[in-house]
């Protein structure tokens, strides 16, 4: 899923150049939230992008997060999932991507109890201290969680969760290489109704 199309322009950072996404991020910074200097020093980025999806990172918010195994969107099936990326409505696009993801493509290493159990242990290790998990589910090829972000940036939490679990899962599986996709889906929880839907 991280693979940009061959004809897609690249930014100086080596990521796809997506003017529509850049415009969306700037608008969100103007009317919703722009990280202040103190938050930036702590690693919070506010609204940002990596060329593919909008992301939000701020203290004291609740987020619905999905991260997936490297092969959850196999290149061999690109013709099936690539049209979804062109869906103009972000909410519809996300629902379609999640429905496609739930089909369970790829090696589905998280189907193995010892791997899923280790991922869950890592997710719960700092629960109640650094962050608070309100709900989570480990699917065969991806993880969903609802997390109260406190004073540690979500991007740092994801880096720790994915880094530790990749190391341990690779040992359990007797393999080497990338386990997780770089890109994640994250959605800021807006209100109690949105929170109930995300947990359900």
Foldseek 3Di string as FASTA:
>chain_A
DQDDDPPFPADPVRHGDDVVLVVVQVVCCVPPHADDPVLVVLPFGAWDDRRQDIDGKDAFFKKKKKWWWPCLPPPVCCVVLVVLSVPPDPVSSVVVVVVSSLVPDDPLLCVDVVLVVVLVCQLCVCDPHQKHWPAKDGHSTMIITMIGGHSHIPVVSCCSSLVVSQVVSCVVVVHDDGTIDPDMDMDTQDDPVSVVVSRD
